[in-house]
Amino acid sequence: MATDIPPAWLAELADHSALVADPDGRALVLSEMALAASRRQDISNQQLSDMLEFAEAARLWALLEHEQLGCE
């Protein structure tokens, strides 16, 4: 459930302008943050899985937005 995900990670996920500006880079940051939280045992394996899925979904959304805005 999204409420179980660390607020700092959710704030990064919500930074739409950064996602659109660099979809791959921001998804990598989100993934690294999730993996770091897992290594610290701040989140469960299920939360890690959810966070990685959200990061990929955000990347795909941002790529579409990036394309629609005509960014290079």
PDB file of N, CA and C in Angstrom:
ATOM      1  N   MET A   1       0.848  -1.181   0.000  1.00  0.00           N
ATOM      2  CA  MET A   1       0.000   0.000   0.000  1.00  0.00           C
ATOM      3  C   MET A   1       0.892   1.242   0.000  1.00  0.00           C
ATOM      4  N   ALA A   2       0.497   2.249  -0.738  1.00  0.00           N
ATOM      5  CA  ALA A   2       1.317   3.439  -0.914  1.00  0.00           C
ATOM      6  C   ALA A   2       1.603   4.158   0.394  1.00  0.00           C
ATOM      7  N   THR A   3       0.719   4.070   1.377  1.00  0.00           N
ATOM      8  CA  THR A   3       0.950   4.767   2.637  1.00  0.00           C
ATOM      9  C   THR A   3       2.091   4.141   3.430  1.00  0.00           C
ATOM     10  N   ASP A   4       2.488   2.920   3.082  1.00  0.00           N
ATOM     11  CA  ASP A   4       3.592   2.259   3.769  1.00  0.00           C
ATOM     12  C   ASP A   4       4.942   2.605   3.151  1.00  0.00           C
ATOM     13  N   ILE A   5       4.914   3.316   2.050  1.00  0.00           N
ATOM     14  CA  ILE A   5       6.145   3.673   1.345  1.00  0.00           C
ATOM     15  C   ILE A   5       6.717   4.933   1.983  1.00  0.00           C
ATOM     16  N   PRO A   6       8.042   4.998   2.159  1.00  0.00           N
ATOM     17  CA  PRO A   6       8.659   6.158   2.804  1.00  0.00           C
ATOM     18  C   PRO A   6       8.274   7.486   2.131  1.00  0.00           C
ATOM     19  N   PRO A   7       7.903   8.479   2.936  1.00  0.00           N
ATOM     20  CA  PRO A   7       7.476   9.771   2.398  1.00  0.00           C
ATOM     21  C   PRO A   7       8.519  10.448   1.504  1.00  0.00           C
ATOM     22  N   ALA A   8       9.794  10.315   1.830  1.00  0.00           N
ATOM     23  CA  ALA A   8      10.836  10.947   1.003  1.00  0.00           C
ATOM     24  C   ALA A   8      10.852  10.345  -0.399  1.00  0.00           C
ATOM     25  N   TRP A   9      10.626   9.043  -0.479  1.00  0.00           N
ATOM     26  CA  TRP A   9      10.584   8.381  -1.781  1.00  0.00           C
ATOM     27  C   TRP A   9       9.356   8.830  -2.565  1.00  0.00           C
ATOM     28  N   LEU A  10       8.220   8.928  -1.882  1.00  0.00           N
ATOM     29  CA  LEU A  10       6.998   9.399  -2.534  1.00  0.00           C
ATOM     30  C   LEU A  10       7.156  10.825  -3.044  1.00  0.00           C
ATOM     31  N   ALA A  11       7.877  11.651  -2.294  1.00  0.00           N
ATOM     32  CA  ALA A  11       8.115  13.032  -2.741  1.00  0.00           C
ATOM     33  C   ALA A  11       8.934  13.041  -4.027  1.00  0.00           C
ATOM     34  N   GLU A  12       9.920  12.174  -4.125  1.00  0.00           N
ATOM     35  CA  GLU A  12      10.712  12.073  -5.357  1.00  0.00           C
ATOM     36  C   GLU A  12       9.843  11.591  -6.517  1.00  0.00           C
ATOM     37  N   LEU A  13       8.986  10.636  -6.241  1.00  0.00           N
ATOM     38  CA  LEU A  13       8.086  10.116  -7.259  1.00  0.00           C
ATOM     39  C   LEU A  13       7.138  11.203  -7.756  1.00  0.00           C
ATOM     40  N   ALA A  14       6.738  12.089  -6.882  1.00  0.00           N
ATOM     41  CA  ALA A  14       5.783  13.142  -7.225  1.00  0.00           C
ATOM     42  C   ALA A  14       6.413  14.318  -7.964  1.00  0.00           C
ATOM     43  N   ASP A  15       7.721  14.335  -8.114  1.00  0.00           N
ATOM     44  CA  ASP A  15       8.399  15.435  -8.809  1.00  0.00           C
ATOM     45  C   ASP A  15       8.280  15.222 -10.320  1.00  0.00           C
ATOM     46  N   HIS A  16       7.120  15.572 -10.847  1.00  0.00           N
ATOM     47  CA  HIS A  16       6.819  15.314 -12.250  1.00  0.00           C
ATOM     48  C   HIS A  16       7.750  16.045 -13.204  1.00  0.00           C
ATOM     49  N   SER A  17       8.128  17.261 -12.882  1.00  0.00           N
ATOM     50  CA  SER A  17       9.004  18.006 -13.797  1.00  0.00           C
ATOM     51  C   SER A  17      10.372  17.330 -13.919  1.00  0.00           C
ATOM     52  N   ALA A  18      10.896  16.813 -12.836  1.00  0.00           N
ATOM     53  CA  ALA A  18      12.178  16.107 -12.895  1.00  0.00           C
ATOM     54  C   ALA A  18      12.039  14.802 -13.670  1.00  0.00           C
ATOM     55  N   LEU A  19      10.917  14.116 -13.495  1.00  0.00           N
ATOM     56  CA  LEU A  19      10.685  12.876 -14.234  1.00  0.00           C
ATOM     57  C   LEU A  19      10.618  13.119 -15.732  1.00  0.00           C
ATOM     58  N   VAL A  20       9.911  14.162 -16.134  1.00  0.00           N
ATOM     59  CA  VAL A  20       9.770  14.454 -17.564  1.00  0.00           C
ATOM     60  C   VAL A  20      11.097  14.916 -18.151  1.00  0.00           C
ATOM     61  N   ALA A  21      11.858  15.665 -17.387  1.00  0.00           N
ATOM     62  CA  ALA A  21      13.146  16.171 -17.874  1.00  0.00           C
ATOM     63  C   ALA A  21      14.160  15.045 -18.080  1.00  0.00           C
ATOM     64  N   ASP A  22      14.120  14.015 -17.237  1.00  0.00           N
ATOM     65  CA  ASP A  22      15.085  12.909 -17.325  1.00  0.00           C
ATOM     66  C   ASP A  22      14.428  11.609 -16.858  1.00  0.00           C
ATOM     67  N   PRO A  23      13.572  11.018 -17.690  1.00  0.00           N
ATOM     68  CA  PRO A  23      12.826   9.828 -17.255  1.00  0.00           C
ATOM     69  C   PRO A  23      13.708   8.678 -16.781  1.00  0.00           C
ATOM     70  N   ASP A  24      14.743   8.362 -17.549  1.00  0.00           N
ATOM     71  CA  ASP A  24      15.598   7.231 -17.171  1.00  0.00           C
ATOM     72  C   ASP A  24      16.410   7.536 -15.915  1.00  0.00           C
ATOM     73  N   GLY A  25      16.951   8.724 -15.844  1.00  0.00           N
ATOM     74  CA  GLY A  25      17.761   9.108 -14.692  1.00  0.00           C
ATOM     75  C   GLY A  25      16.965   9.147 -13.403  1.00  0.00           C
ATOM     76  N   ARG A  26      15.763   9.708 -13.468  1.00  0.00           N
ATOM     77  CA  ARG A  26      14.935   9.793 -12.262  1.00  0.00           C
ATOM     78  C   ARG A  26      14.458   8.407 -11.829  1.00  0.00           C
ATOM     79  N   ALA A  27      14.128   7.542 -12.807  1.00  0.00           N
ATOM     80  CA  ALA A  27      13.718   6.181 -12.458  1.00  0.00           C
ATOM     81  C   ALA A  27      14.871   5.446 -11.780  1.00  0.00           C
ATOM     82  N   LEU A  28      16.083   5.700 -12.248  1.00  0.00           N
ATOM     83  CA  LEU A  28      17.250   5.087 -11.622  1.00  0.00           C
ATOM     84  C   LEU A  28      17.408   5.575 -10.182  1.00  0.00           C
ATOM     85  N   VAL A  29      17.228   6.865  -9.969  1.00  0.00           N
ATOM     86  CA  VAL A  29      17.309   7.422  -8.610  1.00  0.00           C
ATOM     87  C   VAL A  29      16.249   6.780  -7.717  1.00  0.00           C
ATOM     88  N   LEU A  30      15.021   6.673  -8.223  1.00  0.00           N
ATOM     89  CA  LEU A  30      13.950   6.060  -7.433  1.00  0.00           C
ATOM     90  C   LEU A  30      14.274   4.606  -7.102  1.00  0.00           C
ATOM     91  N   SER A  31      14.791   3.888  -8.070  1.00  0.00           N
ATOM     92  CA  SER A  31      15.149   2.489  -7.837  1.00  0.00           C
ATOM     93  C   SER A  31      16.270   2.371  -6.810  1.00  0.00           C
ATOM     94  N   GLU A  32      17.284   3.213  -6.940  1.00  0.00           N
ATOM     95  CA  GLU A  32      18.398   3.183  -5.976  1.00  0.00           C
ATOM     96  C   GLU A  32      17.924   3.530  -4.576  1.00  0.00           C
ATOM     97  N   MET A  33      17.027   4.499  -4.464  1.00  0.00           N
ATOM     98  CA  MET A  33      16.482   4.857  -3.150  1.00  0.00           C
ATOM     99  C   MET A  33      15.717   3.679  -2.548  1.00  0.00           C
ATOM    100  N   ALA A  34      14.951   2.981  -3.381  1.00  0.00           N
ATOM    101  CA  ALA A  34      14.188   1.826  -2.907  1.00  0.00           C
ATOM    102  C   ALA A  34      15.122   0.717  -2.445  1.00  0.00           C
ATOM    103  N   LEU A  35      16.145   0.441  -3.238  1.00  0.00           N
ATOM    104  CA  LEU A  35      17.100  -0.597  -2.863  1.00  0.00           C
ATOM    105  C   LEU A  35      17.852  -0.242  -1.584  1.00  0.00           C
ATOM    106  N   ALA A  36      18.197   1.016  -1.429  1.00  0.00           N
ATOM    107  CA  ALA A  36      18.880   1.453  -0.201  1.00  0.00           C
ATOM    108  C   ALA A  36      17.970   1.278   1.013  1.00  0.00           C
ATOM    109  N   ALA A  37      16.696   1.619   0.867  1.00  0.00           N
ATOM    110  CA  ALA A  37      15.742   1.446   1.964  1.00  0.00           C
ATOM    111  C   ALA A  37      15.603  -0.039   2.318  1.00  0.00           C
ATOM    112  N   SER A  38      15.633  -0.884   1.309  1.00  0.00           N
ATOM    113  CA  SER A  38      15.552  -2.324   1.549  1.00  0.00           C
ATOM    114  C   SER A  38      16.794  -2.828   2.286  1.00  0.00           C
ATOM    115  N   ARG A  39      17.970  -2.376   1.848  1.00  0.00           N
ATOM    116  CA  ARG A  39      19.214  -2.796   2.520  1.00  0.00           C
ATOM    117  C   ARG A  39      19.233  -2.366   3.979  1.00  0.00           C
ATOM    118  N   ARG A  40      18.646  -1.199   4.262  1.00  0.00           N
ATOM    119  CA  ARG A  40      18.564  -0.713   5.649  1.00  0.00           C
ATOM    120  C   ARG A  40      17.446  -1.413   6.424  1.00  0.00           C
ATOM    121  N   GLN A  41      16.679  -2.246   5.728  1.00  0.00           N
ATOM    122  CA  GLN A  41      15.521  -2.936   6.290  1.00  0.00           C
ATOM    123  C   GLN A  41      14.452  -1.962   6.771  1.00  0.00           C
ATOM    124  N   ASP A  42      14.341  -0.832   6.065  1.00  0.00           N
ATOM    125  CA  ASP A  42      13.291   0.142   6.364  1.00  0.00           C
ATOM    126  C   ASP A  42      11.968  -0.246   5.721  1.00  0.00           C
ATOM    127  N   ILE A  43      12.031  -1.133   4.720  1.00  0.00           N
ATOM    128  CA  ILE A  43      10.837  -1.565   3.998  1.00  0.00           C
ATOM    129  C   ILE A  43      10.870  -3.081   3.837  1.00  0.00           C
ATOM    130  N   SER A  44       9.702  -3.640   3.577  1.00  0.00           N
ATOM    131  CA  SER A  44       9.600  -5.086   3.355  1.00  0.00           C
ATOM    132  C   SER A  44       9.916  -5.414   1.897  1.00  0.00           C
ATOM    133  N   ASN A  45      10.043  -6.695   1.621  1.00  0.00           N
ATOM    134  CA  ASN A  45      10.266  -7.126   0.239  1.00  0.00           C
ATOM    135  C   ASN A  45       9.097  -6.727  -0.647  1.00  0.00           C
ATOM    136  N   GLN A  46       7.873  -6.812  -0.116  1.00  0.00           N
ATOM    137  CA  GLN A  46       6.689  -6.411  -0.888  1.00  0.00           C
ATOM    138  C   GLN A  46       6.724  -4.913  -1.198  1.00  0.00           C
ATOM    139  N   GLN A  47       7.116  -4.118  -0.219  1.00  0.00           N
ATOM    140  CA  GLN A  47       7.225  -2.677  -0.452  1.00  0.00           C
ATOM    141  C   GLN A  47       8.297  -2.392  -1.501  1.00  0.00           C
ATOM    142  N   LEU A  48       9.418  -3.093  -1.434  1.00  0.00           N
ATOM    143  CA  LEU A  48      10.467  -2.920  -2.432  1.00  0.00           C
ATOM    144  C   LEU A  48       9.927  -3.240  -3.817  1.00  0.00           C
ATOM    145  N   SER A  49       9.219  -4.333  -3.935  1.00  0.00           N
ATOM    146  CA  SER A  49       8.640  -4.709  -5.219  1.00  0.00           C
ATOM    147  C   SER A  49       7.690  -3.629  -5.730  1.00  0.00           C
ATOM    148  N   ASP A  50       6.837  -3.135  -4.854  1.00  0.00           N
ATOM    149  CA  ASP A  50       5.901  -2.077  -5.243  1.00  0.00           C
ATOM    150  C   ASP A  50       6.641  -0.818  -5.690  1.00  0.00           C
ATOM    151  N   MET A  51       7.656  -0.443  -4.931  1.00  0.00           N
ATOM    152  CA  MET A  51       8.403   0.773  -5.254  1.00  0.00           C
ATOM    153  C   MET A  51       9.117   0.652  -6.599  1.00  0.00           C
ATOM    154  N   LEU A  52       9.688  -0.509  -6.869  1.00  0.00           N
ATOM    155  CA  LEU A  52      10.368  -0.708  -8.154  1.00  0.00           C
ATOM    156  C   LEU A  52       9.362  -0.690  -9.306  1.00  0.00           C
ATOM    157  N   GLU A  53       8.181  -1.253  -9.080  1.00  0.00           N
ATOM    158  CA  GLU A  53       7.134  -1.200 -10.104  1.00  0.00           C
ATOM    159  C   GLU A  53       6.669   0.232 -10.322  1.00  0.00           C
ATOM    160  N   PHE A  54       6.502   0.986  -9.256  1.00  0.00           N
ATOM    161  CA  PHE A  54       6.102   2.392  -9.381  1.00  0.00           C
ATOM    162  C   PHE A  54       7.165   3.192 -10.126  1.00  0.00           C
ATOM    163  N   ALA A  55       8.430   2.910  -9.842  1.00  0.00           N
ATOM    164  CA  ALA A  55       9.524   3.622 -10.516  1.00  0.00           C
ATOM    165  C   ALA A  55       9.482   3.362 -12.023  1.00  0.00           C
ATOM    166  N   GLU A  56       9.240   2.115 -12.406  1.00  0.00           N
ATOM    167  CA  GLU A  56       9.158   1.789 -13.833  1.00  0.00           C
ATOM    168  C   GLU A  56       7.921   2.408 -14.471  1.00  0.00           C
ATOM    169  N   ALA A  57       6.807   2.388 -13.777  1.00  0.00           N
ATOM    170  CA  ALA A  57       5.593   3.017 -14.294  1.00  0.00           C
ATOM    171  C   ALA A  57       5.793   4.519 -14.451  1.00  0.00           C
ATOM    172  N   ALA A  58       6.470   5.135 -13.505  1.00  0.00           N
ATOM    173  CA  ALA A  58       6.755   6.571 -13.596  1.00  0.00           C
ATOM    174  C   ALA A  58       7.667   6.863 -14.776  1.00  0.00           C
ATOM    175  N   ARG A  59       8.644   6.005 -15.012  1.00  0.00           N
ATOM    176  CA  ARG A  59       9.546   6.176 -16.147  1.00  0.00           C
ATOM    177  C   ARG A  59       8.775   6.121 -17.458  1.00  0.00           C
ATOM    178  N   LEU A  60       7.898   5.135 -17.591  1.00  0.00           N
ATOM    179  CA  LEU A  60       7.112   5.005 -18.813  1.00  0.00           C
ATOM    180  C   LEU A  60       6.178   6.198 -18.999  1.00  0.00           C
ATOM    181  N   TRP A  61       5.535   6.643 -17.928  1.00  0.00           N
ATOM    182  CA  TRP A  61       4.678   7.825 -17.996  1.00  0.00           C
ATOM    183  C   TRP A  61       5.494   9.036 -18.436  1.00  0.00           C
ATOM    184  N   ALA A  62       6.648   9.207 -17.838  1.00  0.00           N
ATOM    185  CA  ALA A  62       7.485  10.373 -18.151  1.00  0.00           C
ATOM    186  C   ALA A  62       7.982  10.337 -19.592  1.00  0.00           C
ATOM    187  N   LEU A  63       8.292   9.153 -20.100  1.00  0.00           N
ATOM    188  CA  LEU A  63       8.715   9.049 -21.498  1.00  0.00           C
ATOM    189  C   LEU A  63       7.597   9.501 -22.434  1.00  0.00           C
ATOM    190  N   LEU A  64       6.359   9.109 -22.121  1.00  0.00           N
ATOM    191  CA  LEU A  64       5.223   9.543 -22.929  1.00  0.00           C
ATOM    192  C   LEU A  64       5.030  11.047 -22.832  1.00  0.00           C
ATOM    193  N   GLU A  65       5.109  11.590 -21.633  1.00  0.00           N
ATOM    194  CA  GLU A  65       4.976  13.038 -21.431  1.00  0.00           C
ATOM    195  C   GLU A  65       6.069  13.777 -22.171  1.00  0.00           C
ATOM    196  N   HIS A  66       7.273  13.267 -22.057  1.00  0.00           N
ATOM    197  CA  HIS A  66       8.447  13.856 -22.712  1.00  0.00           C
ATOM    198  C   HIS A  66       8.209  13.917 -24.220  1.00  0.00           C
ATOM    199  N   GLU A  67       7.702  12.835 -24.778  1.00  0.00           N
ATOM    200  CA  GLU A  67       7.420  12.755 -26.211  1.00  0.00           C
ATOM    201  C   GLU A  67       6.307  13.720 -26.613  1.00  0.00           C
ATOM    202  N   GLN A  68       5.254  13.783 -25.820  1.00  0.00           N
ATOM    203  CA  GLN A  68       4.126  14.662 -26.134  1.00  0.00           C
ATOM    204  C   GLN A  68       4.498  16.125 -26.057  1.00  0.00           C
ATOM    205  N   LEU A  69       5.432  16.456 -25.187  1.00  0.00           N
ATOM    206  CA  LEU A  69       5.877  17.846 -25.062  1.00  0.00           C
ATOM    207  C   LEU A  69       6.888  18.224 -26.142  1.00  0.00           C
ATOM    208  N   GLY A  70       7.339  17.236 -26.883  1.00  0.00           N
ATOM    209  CA  GLY A  70       8.306  17.510 -27.948  1.00  0.00           C
ATOM    210  C   GLY A  70       9.705  17.786 -27.447  1.00  0.00           C
ATOM    211  N   CYS A  71      10.014  17.251 -26.264  1.00  0.00           N
ATOM    212  CA  CYS A  71      11.352  17.436 -25.706  1.00  0.00           C
ATOM    213  C   CYS A  71      12.335  16.595 -26.496  1.00  0.00           C
ATOM    214  N   GLU A  72      13.560  17.029 -26.525  1.00  0.00           N
ATOM    215  CA  GLU A  72      14.603  16.279 -27.244  1.00  0.00           C
ATOM    216  C   GLU A  72      15.489  15.547 -26.284  1.00  0.00           C
TER     217      GLU A  72
END
